[in-house]
Amino acid sequence: MKNVYSRSFESAPPPQNISNTKAFTLAEVLITLGIIGVVAALTMPSLVTNYQKKATVTQLKKAYSEIAQAIKLSQIQNGEINNWDFSLSGTDFYYQYLQKYFIKNKEIQNKEFKKQYIVKNLNGTQCTSEVWCTQNDSFYTYLPNGSIMGIMTHSNESKYKSITIDINGFKAPNQIGKDFFVFSIIYPDGLVPYGYKDGGTSGGKFDNLEKGQLTGTAEYACNKQRQGIWCSALIMLENWEITQDYPW
């Protein structure tokens, strides 16, 4: 009887010569790894920066929401903001209007806080003239999300109280516009970016969130040649986003 398997066996192709199989040489592997390394070196800084921007906005928005909510709760017991006493020191203002409405981890006087903490402006200079750098009776409290809220003292001020938020506490860079942001409490808006309407000094105010002004030539403007105090307003203007042209 004829073997039915003989034909298929006989027609099967001969096995390939393993010695003829092509492979990458060591030089080719090293060149490929080198290209991958160059691409990674070019893209990683951008990826890290984008992550830092998103994390910054997330932390800032969360702290802002907590403070804004506390202000609304305070109004229920203490009346409308136009009746609040903004001439109080940061410490007294905190205990009068805000202390009851926060879950906080720690409270500290400015004179102790400043022994450990130095604020830089966006242009890299040390902050030496603004109230968040100079007033010993300002007050700070640590919020559960890791940020630090500061309540400033303003001599003879009756329209606003400036509030600072450092989104990562004592961690670097402690720089305005990077991890340190400035807001104000005003009537009737509540918590607003510093400089908006009555929430800022006469020489550094704006009535509208206009990008050209916020990034312009004023000393408080959000650009790398200025202090960066208006960076809070710029981020809010951009729908809580740090855009590509932000002076990071």
C-alpha atoms as a PDB file:
ATOM      1  CA  MET A   1       0.000   0.000   0.000  1.00  0.00           C
ATOM      2  CA  LYS A   2       1.347   3.417  -0.992  1.00  0.00           C
ATOM      3  CA  ASN A   3       2.375   5.678   1.867  1.00  0.00           C
ATOM      4  CA  VAL A   4      -0.026   8.636   1.761  1.00  0.00           C
ATOM      5  CA  TYR A   5       2.441  10.787   3.676  1.00  0.00           C
ATOM      6  CA  SER A   6       5.404  10.267   1.379  1.00  0.00           C
ATOM      7  CA  ARG A   7       4.458  12.974  -1.104  1.00  0.00           C
ATOM      8  CA  SER A   8       3.949  15.695   1.461  1.00  0.00           C
ATOM      9  CA  PHE A   9       7.145  14.713   3.191  1.00  0.00           C
ATOM     10  CA  GLU A  10       9.133  14.674   0.005  1.00  0.00           C
ATOM     11  CA  SER A  11       7.781  18.058  -1.106  1.00  0.00           C
ATOM     12  CA  ALA A  12       8.587  19.819   2.169  1.00  0.00           C
ATOM     13  CA  PRO A  13      11.222  22.551   1.734  1.00  0.00           C
ATOM     14  CA  PRO A  14      14.656  21.862   3.125  1.00  0.00           C
ATOM     15  CA  PRO A  15      15.439  23.515   6.486  1.00  0.00           C
ATOM     16  CA  GLN A  16      17.067  26.924   6.303  1.00  0.00           C
ATOM     17  CA  ASN A  17      20.716  27.280   7.043  1.00  0.00           C
ATOM     18  CA  ILE A  18      20.793  28.954  10.441  1.00  0.00           C
ATOM     19  CA  SER A  19      24.129  30.494   9.632  1.00  0.00           C
ATOM     20  CA  ASN A  20      22.470  32.518   6.844  1.00  0.00           C
ATOM     21  CA  THR A  21      19.900  34.170   9.207  1.00  0.00           C
ATOM     22  CA  LYS A  22      20.479  37.940   9.419  1.00  0.00           C
ATOM     23  CA  ALA A  23      20.797  39.692  12.856  1.00  0.00           C
ATOM     24  CA  PHE A  24      21.652  43.121  14.227  1.00  0.00           C
ATOM     25  CA  THR A  25      25.293  43.784  14.752  1.00  0.00           C
ATOM     26  CA  LEU A  26      26.568  45.251  18.001  1.00  0.00           C
ATOM     27  CA  ALA A  27      27.211  48.549  16.235  1.00  0.00           C
ATOM     28  CA  GLU A  28      23.630  48.725  14.979  1.00  0.00           C
ATOM     29  CA  VAL A  29      22.268  48.037  18.468  1.00  0.00           C
ATOM     30  CA  LEU A  30      24.452  50.763  19.966  1.00  0.00           C
ATOM     31  CA  ILE A  31      23.395  53.272  17.300  1.00  0.00           C
ATOM     32  CA  THR A  32      19.713  52.477  17.935  1.00  0.00           C
ATOM     33  CA  LEU A  33      20.135  52.903  21.696  1.00  0.00           C
ATOM     34  CA  GLY A  34      21.948  56.163  21.083  1.00  0.00           C
ATOM     35  CA  ILE A  35      19.074  57.501  18.966  1.00  0.00           C
ATOM     36  CA  ILE A  36      16.561  56.472  21.641  1.00  0.00           C
ATOM     37  CA  GLY A  37      18.663  58.247  24.267  1.00  0.00           C
ATOM     38  CA  VAL A  38      18.805  61.462  22.239  1.00  0.00           C
ATOM     39  CA  VAL A  39      15.032  61.445  21.649  1.00  0.00           C
ATOM     40  CA  ALA A  40      14.417  60.804  25.365  1.00  0.00           C
ATOM     41  CA  ALA A  41      16.764  63.637  26.342  1.00  0.00           C
ATOM     42  CA  LEU A  42      14.878  66.003  24.057  1.00  0.00           C
ATOM     43  CA  THR A  43      11.366  65.019  25.133  1.00  0.00           C
ATOM     44  CA  MET A  44      11.718  64.290  28.856  1.00  0.00           C
ATOM     45  CA  PRO A  45      12.169  67.923  29.995  1.00  0.00           C
ATOM     46  CA  SER A  46       9.011  68.881  28.125  1.00  0.00           C
ATOM     47  CA  LEU A  47       7.069  65.989  29.656  1.00  0.00           C
ATOM     48  CA  VAL A  48       8.289  66.854  33.164  1.00  0.00           C
ATOM     49  CA  THR A  49       7.416  70.538  32.696  1.00  0.00           C
ATOM     50  CA  ASN A  50       3.917  69.715  31.438  1.00  0.00           C
ATOM     51  CA  TYR A  51       3.370  67.451  34.433  1.00  0.00           C
ATOM     52  CA  GLN A  52       4.560  70.171  36.819  1.00  0.00           C
ATOM     53  CA  LYS A  53       2.206  72.701  35.228  1.00  0.00           C
ATOM     54  CA  LYS A  54      -0.806  70.413  35.526  1.00  0.00           C
ATOM     55  CA  ALA A  55       0.053  69.511  39.124  1.00  0.00           C
ATOM     56  CA  THR A  56       0.469  73.201  39.979  1.00  0.00           C
ATOM     57  CA  VAL A  57      -2.935  74.151  38.588  1.00  0.00           C
ATOM     58  CA  THR A  58      -4.621  71.201  40.300  1.00  0.00           C
ATOM     59  CA  GLN A  59      -3.189  72.129  43.710  1.00  0.00           C
ATOM     60  CA  LEU A  60      -3.842  75.838  43.250  1.00  0.00           C
ATOM     61  CA  LYS A  61      -7.452  75.372  42.168  1.00  0.00           C
ATOM     62  CA  LYS A  62      -8.116  73.029  45.078  1.00  0.00           C
ATOM     63  CA  ALA A  63      -6.696  75.474  47.644  1.00  0.00           C
ATOM     64  CA  TYR A  64      -8.564  78.359  46.009  1.00  0.00           C
ATOM     65  CA  SER A  65     -11.844  76.431  46.235  1.00  0.00           C
ATOM     66  CA  GLU A  66     -11.282  75.631  49.920  1.00  0.00           C
ATOM     67  CA  ILE A  67     -10.630  79.270  50.798  1.00  0.00           C
ATOM     68  CA  ALA A  68     -13.516  80.579  48.674  1.00  0.00           C
ATOM     69  CA  GLN A  69     -15.864  78.123  50.370  1.00  0.00           C
ATOM     70  CA  ALA A  70     -14.659  79.165  53.822  1.00  0.00           C
ATOM     71  CA  ILE A  71     -15.346  82.805  52.954  1.00  0.00           C
ATOM     72  CA  LYS A  72     -18.906  81.949  51.910  1.00  0.00           C
ATOM     73  CA  LEU A  73     -19.497  80.014  55.131  1.00  0.00           C
ATOM     74  CA  SER A  74     -18.103  82.898  57.168  1.00  0.00           C
ATOM     75  CA  GLN A  75     -20.554  85.321  55.594  1.00  0.00           C
ATOM     76  CA  ILE A  76     -23.443  83.294  56.998  1.00  0.00           C
ATOM     77  CA  GLN A  77     -22.267  84.046  60.538  1.00  0.00           C
ATOM     78  CA  ASN A  78     -20.301  87.284  60.124  1.00  0.00           C
ATOM     79  CA  GLY A  79     -22.373  89.112  57.517  1.00  0.00           C
ATOM     80  CA  GLU A  80     -21.486  90.382  54.058  1.00  0.00           C
ATOM     81  CA  ILE A  81     -17.851  91.064  53.252  1.00  0.00           C
ATOM     82  CA  ASN A  82     -18.419  94.817  53.004  1.00  0.00           C
ATOM     83  CA  ASN A  83     -18.919  94.809  56.785  1.00  0.00           C
ATOM     84  CA  TRP A  84     -15.682  92.944  57.532  1.00  0.00           C
ATOM     85  CA  ASP A  85     -12.847  94.834  59.179  1.00  0.00           C
ATOM     86  CA  PHE A  86      -9.944  94.684  56.722  1.00  0.00           C
ATOM     87  CA  SER A  87      -7.806  96.916  58.936  1.00  0.00           C
ATOM     88  CA  LEU A  88      -7.292  94.007  61.332  1.00  0.00           C
ATOM     89  CA  SER A  89      -3.890  92.354  61.412  1.00  0.00           C
ATOM     90  CA  GLY A  90      -3.565  89.095  59.518  1.00  0.00           C
ATOM     91  CA  THR A  91      -3.727  87.192  62.795  1.00  0.00           C
ATOM     92  CA  ASP A  92      -6.828  88.949  64.097  1.00  0.00           C
ATOM     93  CA  PHE A  93      -8.562  88.750  60.709  1.00  0.00           C
ATOM     94  CA  TYR A  94      -7.925  85.013  60.541  1.00  0.00           C
ATOM     95  CA  TYR A  95      -9.403  84.346  63.968  1.00  0.00           C
ATOM     96  CA  GLN A  96     -12.313  86.729  63.424  1.00  0.00           C
ATOM     97  CA  TYR A  97     -13.458  85.592  59.976  1.00  0.00           C
ATOM     98  CA  LEU A  98     -11.765  82.405  58.787  1.00  0.00           C
ATOM     99  CA  GLN A  99     -10.430  80.151  61.529  1.00  0.00           C
ATOM    100  CA  LYS A 100     -13.680  78.270  62.185  1.00  0.00           C
ATOM    101  CA  TYR A 101     -14.246  77.293  58.570  1.00  0.00           C
ATOM    102  CA  PHE A 102     -11.078  75.375  57.737  1.00  0.00           C
ATOM    103  CA  ILE A 103      -9.785  71.912  58.388  1.00  0.00           C
ATOM    104  CA  LYS A 104      -6.178  72.792  59.120  1.00  0.00           C
ATOM    105  CA  ASN A 105      -3.072  70.961  60.213  1.00  0.00           C
ATOM    106  CA  LYS A 106      -1.063  73.772  61.780  1.00  0.00           C
ATOM    107  CA  GLU A 107      -1.173  77.509  62.434  1.00  0.00           C
ATOM    108  CA  ILE A 108       1.882  79.724  62.703  1.00  0.00           C
ATOM    109  CA  GLN A 109       2.730  83.406  63.167  1.00  0.00           C
ATOM    110  CA  ASN A 110       4.629  85.126  60.375  1.00  0.00           C
ATOM    111  CA  LYS A 111       7.596  86.042  62.575  1.00  0.00           C
ATOM    112  CA  GLU A 112       8.240  82.329  63.127  1.00  0.00           C
ATOM    113  CA  PHE A 113       7.343  81.379  59.573  1.00  0.00           C
ATOM    114  CA  LYS A 114       9.819  83.794  58.016  1.00  0.00           C
ATOM    115  CA  LYS A 115      12.716  82.209  59.885  1.00  0.00           C
ATOM    116  CA  GLN A 116      12.316  79.214  57.595  1.00  0.00           C
ATOM    117  CA  TYR A 117      10.838  80.668  54.424  1.00  0.00           C
ATOM    118  CA  ILE A 118      12.008  83.176  51.799  1.00  0.00           C
ATOM    119  CA  VAL A 119       9.828  84.191  48.841  1.00  0.00           C
ATOM    120  CA  LYS A 120      11.291  85.014  45.430  1.00  0.00           C
ATOM    121  CA  ASN A 121       9.651  87.081  42.722  1.00  0.00           C
ATOM    122  CA  LEU A 122       9.091  85.561  39.285  1.00  0.00           C
ATOM    123  CA  ASN A 123      12.115  87.465  37.948  1.00  0.00           C
ATOM    124  CA  GLY A 124      14.319  85.714  40.509  1.00  0.00           C
ATOM    125  CA  THR A 125      14.838  88.637  42.877  1.00  0.00           C
ATOM    126  CA  GLN A 126      14.075  88.214  46.560  1.00  0.00           C
ATOM    127  CA  CYS A 127      10.729  89.582  47.680  1.00  0.00           C
ATOM    128  CA  THR A 128      11.515  92.382  50.143  1.00  0.00           C
ATOM    129  CA  SER A 129       8.853  95.082  49.765  1.00  0.00           C
ATOM    130  CA  GLU A 130       5.404  93.449  49.641  1.00  0.00           C
ATOM    131  CA  VAL A 131       3.295  92.654  52.705  1.00  0.00           C
ATOM    132  CA  TRP A 132       3.693  88.898  52.240  1.00  0.00           C
ATOM    133  CA  CYS A 133       7.422  89.352  52.735  1.00  0.00           C
ATOM    134  CA  THR A 134       7.599  92.026  55.422  1.00  0.00           C
ATOM    135  CA  GLN A 135       4.703  92.032  57.882  1.00  0.00           C
ATOM    136  CA  ASN A 136       5.499  90.216  61.119  1.00  0.00           C
ATOM    137  CA  ASP A 137       1.873  90.064  62.192  1.00  0.00           C
ATOM    138  CA  SER A 138       0.652  88.255  59.089  1.00  0.00           C
ATOM    139  CA  PHE A 139      -0.613  84.741  59.744  1.00  0.00           C
ATOM    140  CA  TYR A 140      -0.249  81.325  58.108  1.00  0.00           C
ATOM    141  CA  THR A 141      -2.147  78.063  58.290  1.00  0.00           C
ATOM    142  CA  TYR A 142      -1.351  74.684  56.757  1.00  0.00           C
ATOM    143  CA  LEU A 143      -4.239  73.163  54.803  1.00  0.00           C
ATOM    144  CA  PRO A 144      -4.841  69.391  54.492  1.00  0.00           C
ATOM    145  CA  ASN A 145      -3.873  69.343  50.796  1.00  0.00           C
ATOM    146  CA  GLY A 146      -0.294  70.358  51.651  1.00  0.00           C
ATOM    147  CA  SER A 147      -0.625  74.035  50.739  1.00  0.00           C
ATOM    148  CA  ILE A 148      -0.021  76.988  53.061  1.00  0.00           C
ATOM    149  CA  MET A 149      -2.463  79.899  53.214  1.00  0.00           C
ATOM    150  CA  GLY A 150      -1.218  83.268  54.384  1.00  0.00           C
ATOM    151  CA  ILE A 151      -3.380  86.155  55.625  1.00  0.00           C
ATOM    152  CA  MET A 152      -1.595  89.466  55.298  1.00  0.00           C
ATOM    153  CA  THR A 153      -1.572  92.628  57.395  1.00  0.00           C
ATOM    154  CA  HIS A 154      -2.181  95.948  55.588  1.00  0.00           C
ATOM    155  CA  SER A 155      -1.723  99.201  57.433  1.00  0.00           C
ATOM    156  CA  ASN A 156      -4.789 101.461  57.138  1.00  0.00           C
ATOM    157  CA  GLU A 157      -6.445  99.218  54.527  1.00  0.00           C
ATOM    158  CA  SER A 158     -10.258  99.147  54.450  1.00  0.00           C
ATOM    159  CA  LYS A 159     -11.210  97.534  51.126  1.00  0.00           C
ATOM    160  CA  TYR A 160      -9.365  94.232  50.851  1.00  0.00           C
ATOM    161  CA  LYS A 161      -7.267  91.576  52.559  1.00  0.00           C
ATOM    162  CA  SER A 162      -4.577  89.821  50.533  1.00  0.00           C
ATOM    163  CA  ILE A 163      -4.280  86.053  50.762  1.00  0.00           C
ATOM    164  CA  THR A 164      -1.301  83.976  49.651  1.00  0.00           C
ATOM    165  CA  ILE A 165      -1.244  80.317  48.649  1.00  0.00           C
ATOM    166  CA  ASP A 166       1.931  78.257  48.494  1.00  0.00           C
ATOM    167  CA  ILE A 167       0.805  75.018  46.899  1.00  0.00           C
ATOM    168  CA  ASN A 168       3.654  72.853  48.239  1.00  0.00           C
ATOM    169  CA  GLY A 169       4.585  74.453  51.541  1.00  0.00           C
ATOM    170  CA  PHE A 170       8.289  74.793  52.243  1.00  0.00           C
ATOM    171  CA  LYS A 171       9.344  72.904  49.114  1.00  0.00           C
ATOM    172  CA  ALA A 172      11.239  74.855  46.444  1.00  0.00           C
ATOM    173  CA  PRO A 173      11.108  77.071  44.538  1.00  0.00           C
ATOM    174  CA  ASN A 174       8.934  79.283  46.815  1.00  0.00           C
ATOM    175  CA  GLN A 175       8.584  81.638  43.864  1.00  0.00           C
ATOM    176  CA  ILE A 176       5.684  83.845  42.852  1.00  0.00           C
ATOM    177  CA  GLY A 177       4.002  82.462  39.762  1.00  0.00           C
ATOM    178  CA  LYS A 178       5.550  79.007  40.192  1.00  0.00           C
ATOM    179  CA  ASP A 179       4.300  77.651  43.517  1.00  0.00           C
ATOM    180  CA  PHE A 180       3.378  80.871  45.364  1.00  0.00           C
ATOM    181  CA  PHE A 181       0.281  82.837  44.322  1.00  0.00           C
ATOM    182  CA  VAL A 182      -1.454  85.965  45.594  1.00  0.00           C
ATOM    183  CA  PHE A 183      -5.202  86.619  45.904  1.00  0.00           C
ATOM    184  CA  SER A 184      -7.454  89.090  47.721  1.00  0.00           C
ATOM    185  CA  ILE A 185     -10.772  89.088  49.538  1.00  0.00           C
ATOM    186  CA  ILE A 186     -13.001  91.949  48.364  1.00  0.00           C
ATOM    187  CA  TYR A 187     -16.682  92.869  48.332  1.00  0.00           C
ATOM    188  CA  PRO A 188     -18.843  91.640  46.649  1.00  0.00           C
ATOM    189  CA  ASP A 189     -16.694  89.162  44.689  1.00  0.00           C
ATOM    190  CA  GLY A 190     -15.119  87.239  47.564  1.00  0.00           C
ATOM    191  CA  LEU A 191     -11.782  85.642  46.677  1.00  0.00           C
ATOM    192  CA  VAL A 192     -10.208  87.196  43.563  1.00  0.00           C
ATOM    193  CA  PRO A 193      -6.710  87.355  42.035  1.00  0.00           C
ATOM    194  CA  TYR A 194      -4.616  90.097  43.603  1.00  0.00           C
ATOM    195  CA  GLY A 195      -5.045  93.431  41.836  1.00  0.00           C
ATOM    196  CA  TYR A 196      -8.605  92.876  40.651  1.00  0.00           C
ATOM    197  CA  LYS A 197     -10.788  95.956  41.280  1.00  0.00           C
ATOM    198  CA  ASP A 198     -10.364  96.885  44.955  1.00  0.00           C
ATOM    199  CA  GLY A 199      -8.168  93.886  45.709  1.00  0.00           C
ATOM    200  CA  GLY A 200      -4.769  95.475  45.298  1.00  0.00           C
ATOM    201  CA  THR A 201      -2.702  98.633  45.667  1.00  0.00           C
ATOM    202  CA  SER A 202      -3.605 101.715  43.649  1.00  0.00           C
ATOM    203  CA  GLY A 203      -0.545 101.340  41.449  1.00  0.00           C
ATOM    204  CA  GLY A 204      -1.158  97.697  40.647  1.00  0.00           C
ATOM    205  CA  LYS A 205      -4.847  97.241  39.883  1.00  0.00           C
ATOM    206  CA  PHE A 206      -6.920  96.095  36.918  1.00  0.00           C
ATOM    207  CA  ASP A 207     -10.670  96.063  36.334  1.00  0.00           C
ATOM    208  CA  ASN A 208     -10.758  93.300  33.729  1.00  0.00           C
ATOM    209  CA  LEU A 209      -8.859  90.083  33.169  1.00  0.00           C
ATOM    210  CA  GLU A 210      -7.035  91.172  30.038  1.00  0.00           C
ATOM    211  CA  LYS A 211      -4.034  89.098  29.008  1.00  0.00           C
ATOM    212  CA  GLY A 212      -2.117  91.990  27.466  1.00  0.00           C
ATOM    213  CA  GLN A 213      -2.208  93.930  30.704  1.00  0.00           C
ATOM    214  CA  LEU A 214      -1.554  90.961  32.964  1.00  0.00           C
ATOM    215  CA  THR A 215       1.591  90.031  31.015  1.00  0.00           C
ATOM    216  CA  GLY A 216       2.666  93.601  30.174  1.00  0.00           C
ATOM    217  CA  THR A 217       5.251  95.957  31.608  1.00  0.00           C
ATOM    218  CA  ALA A 218       3.719  96.757  35.015  1.00  0.00           C
ATOM    219  CA  GLU A 219       5.860  95.761  37.989  1.00  0.00           C
ATOM    220  CA  TYR A 220       3.280  93.175  39.099  1.00  0.00           C
ATOM    221  CA  ALA A 221       2.881  91.669  35.611  1.00  0.00           C
ATOM    222  CA  CYS A 222       3.218  87.960  34.951  1.00  0.00           C
ATOM    223  CA  ASN A 223       6.412  87.841  32.918  1.00  0.00           C
ATOM    224  CA  LYS A 224       9.972  86.837  33.694  1.00  0.00           C
ATOM    225  CA  GLN A 225      11.177  90.435  33.975  1.00  0.00           C
ATOM    226  CA  ARG A 226       8.573  91.392  36.600  1.00  0.00           C
ATOM    227  CA  GLN A 227       7.416  90.254  40.042  1.00  0.00           C
ATOM    228  CA  GLY A 228       4.701  87.913  38.738  1.00  0.00           C
ATOM    229  CA  ILE A 229       2.014  88.874  41.253  1.00  0.00           C
ATOM    230  CA  TRP A 230      -0.632  88.901  38.517  1.00  0.00           C
ATOM    231  CA  CYS A 231       0.106  85.299  37.513  1.00  0.00           C
ATOM    232  CA  SER A 232      -2.868  84.179  39.618  1.00  0.00           C
ATOM    233  CA  ALA A 233      -5.129  86.299  37.416  1.00  0.00           C
ATOM    234  CA  LEU A 234      -3.509  84.989  34.231  1.00  0.00           C
ATOM    235  CA  ILE A 235      -4.089  81.356  35.212  1.00  0.00           C
ATOM    236  CA  MET A 236      -7.742  82.071  36.016  1.00  0.00           C
ATOM    237  CA  LEU A 237      -8.131  83.964  32.738  1.00  0.00           C
ATOM    238  CA  GLU A 238      -6.865  80.893  30.877  1.00  0.00           C
ATOM    239  CA  ASN A 239      -9.620  78.759  32.465  1.00  0.00           C
ATOM    240  CA  TRP A 240      -7.324  77.396  35.162  1.00  0.00           C
ATOM    241  CA  GLU A 241      -4.582  76.340  32.796  1.00  0.00           C
ATOM    242  CA  ILE A 242      -0.883  77.145  32.514  1.00  0.00           C
ATOM    243  CA  THR A 243      -0.521  77.587  28.768  1.00  0.00           C
ATOM    244  CA  GLN A 244       2.532  77.206  26.555  1.00  0.00           C
ATOM    245  CA  ASP A 245       3.287  80.939  26.623  1.00  0.00           C
ATOM    246  CA  TYR A 246       3.071  81.170  30.411  1.00  0.00           C
ATOM    247  CA  PRO A 247       6.412  82.480  31.815  1.00  0.00           C
ATOM    248  CA  TRP A 248       7.351  79.185  33.457  1.00  0.00           C
END
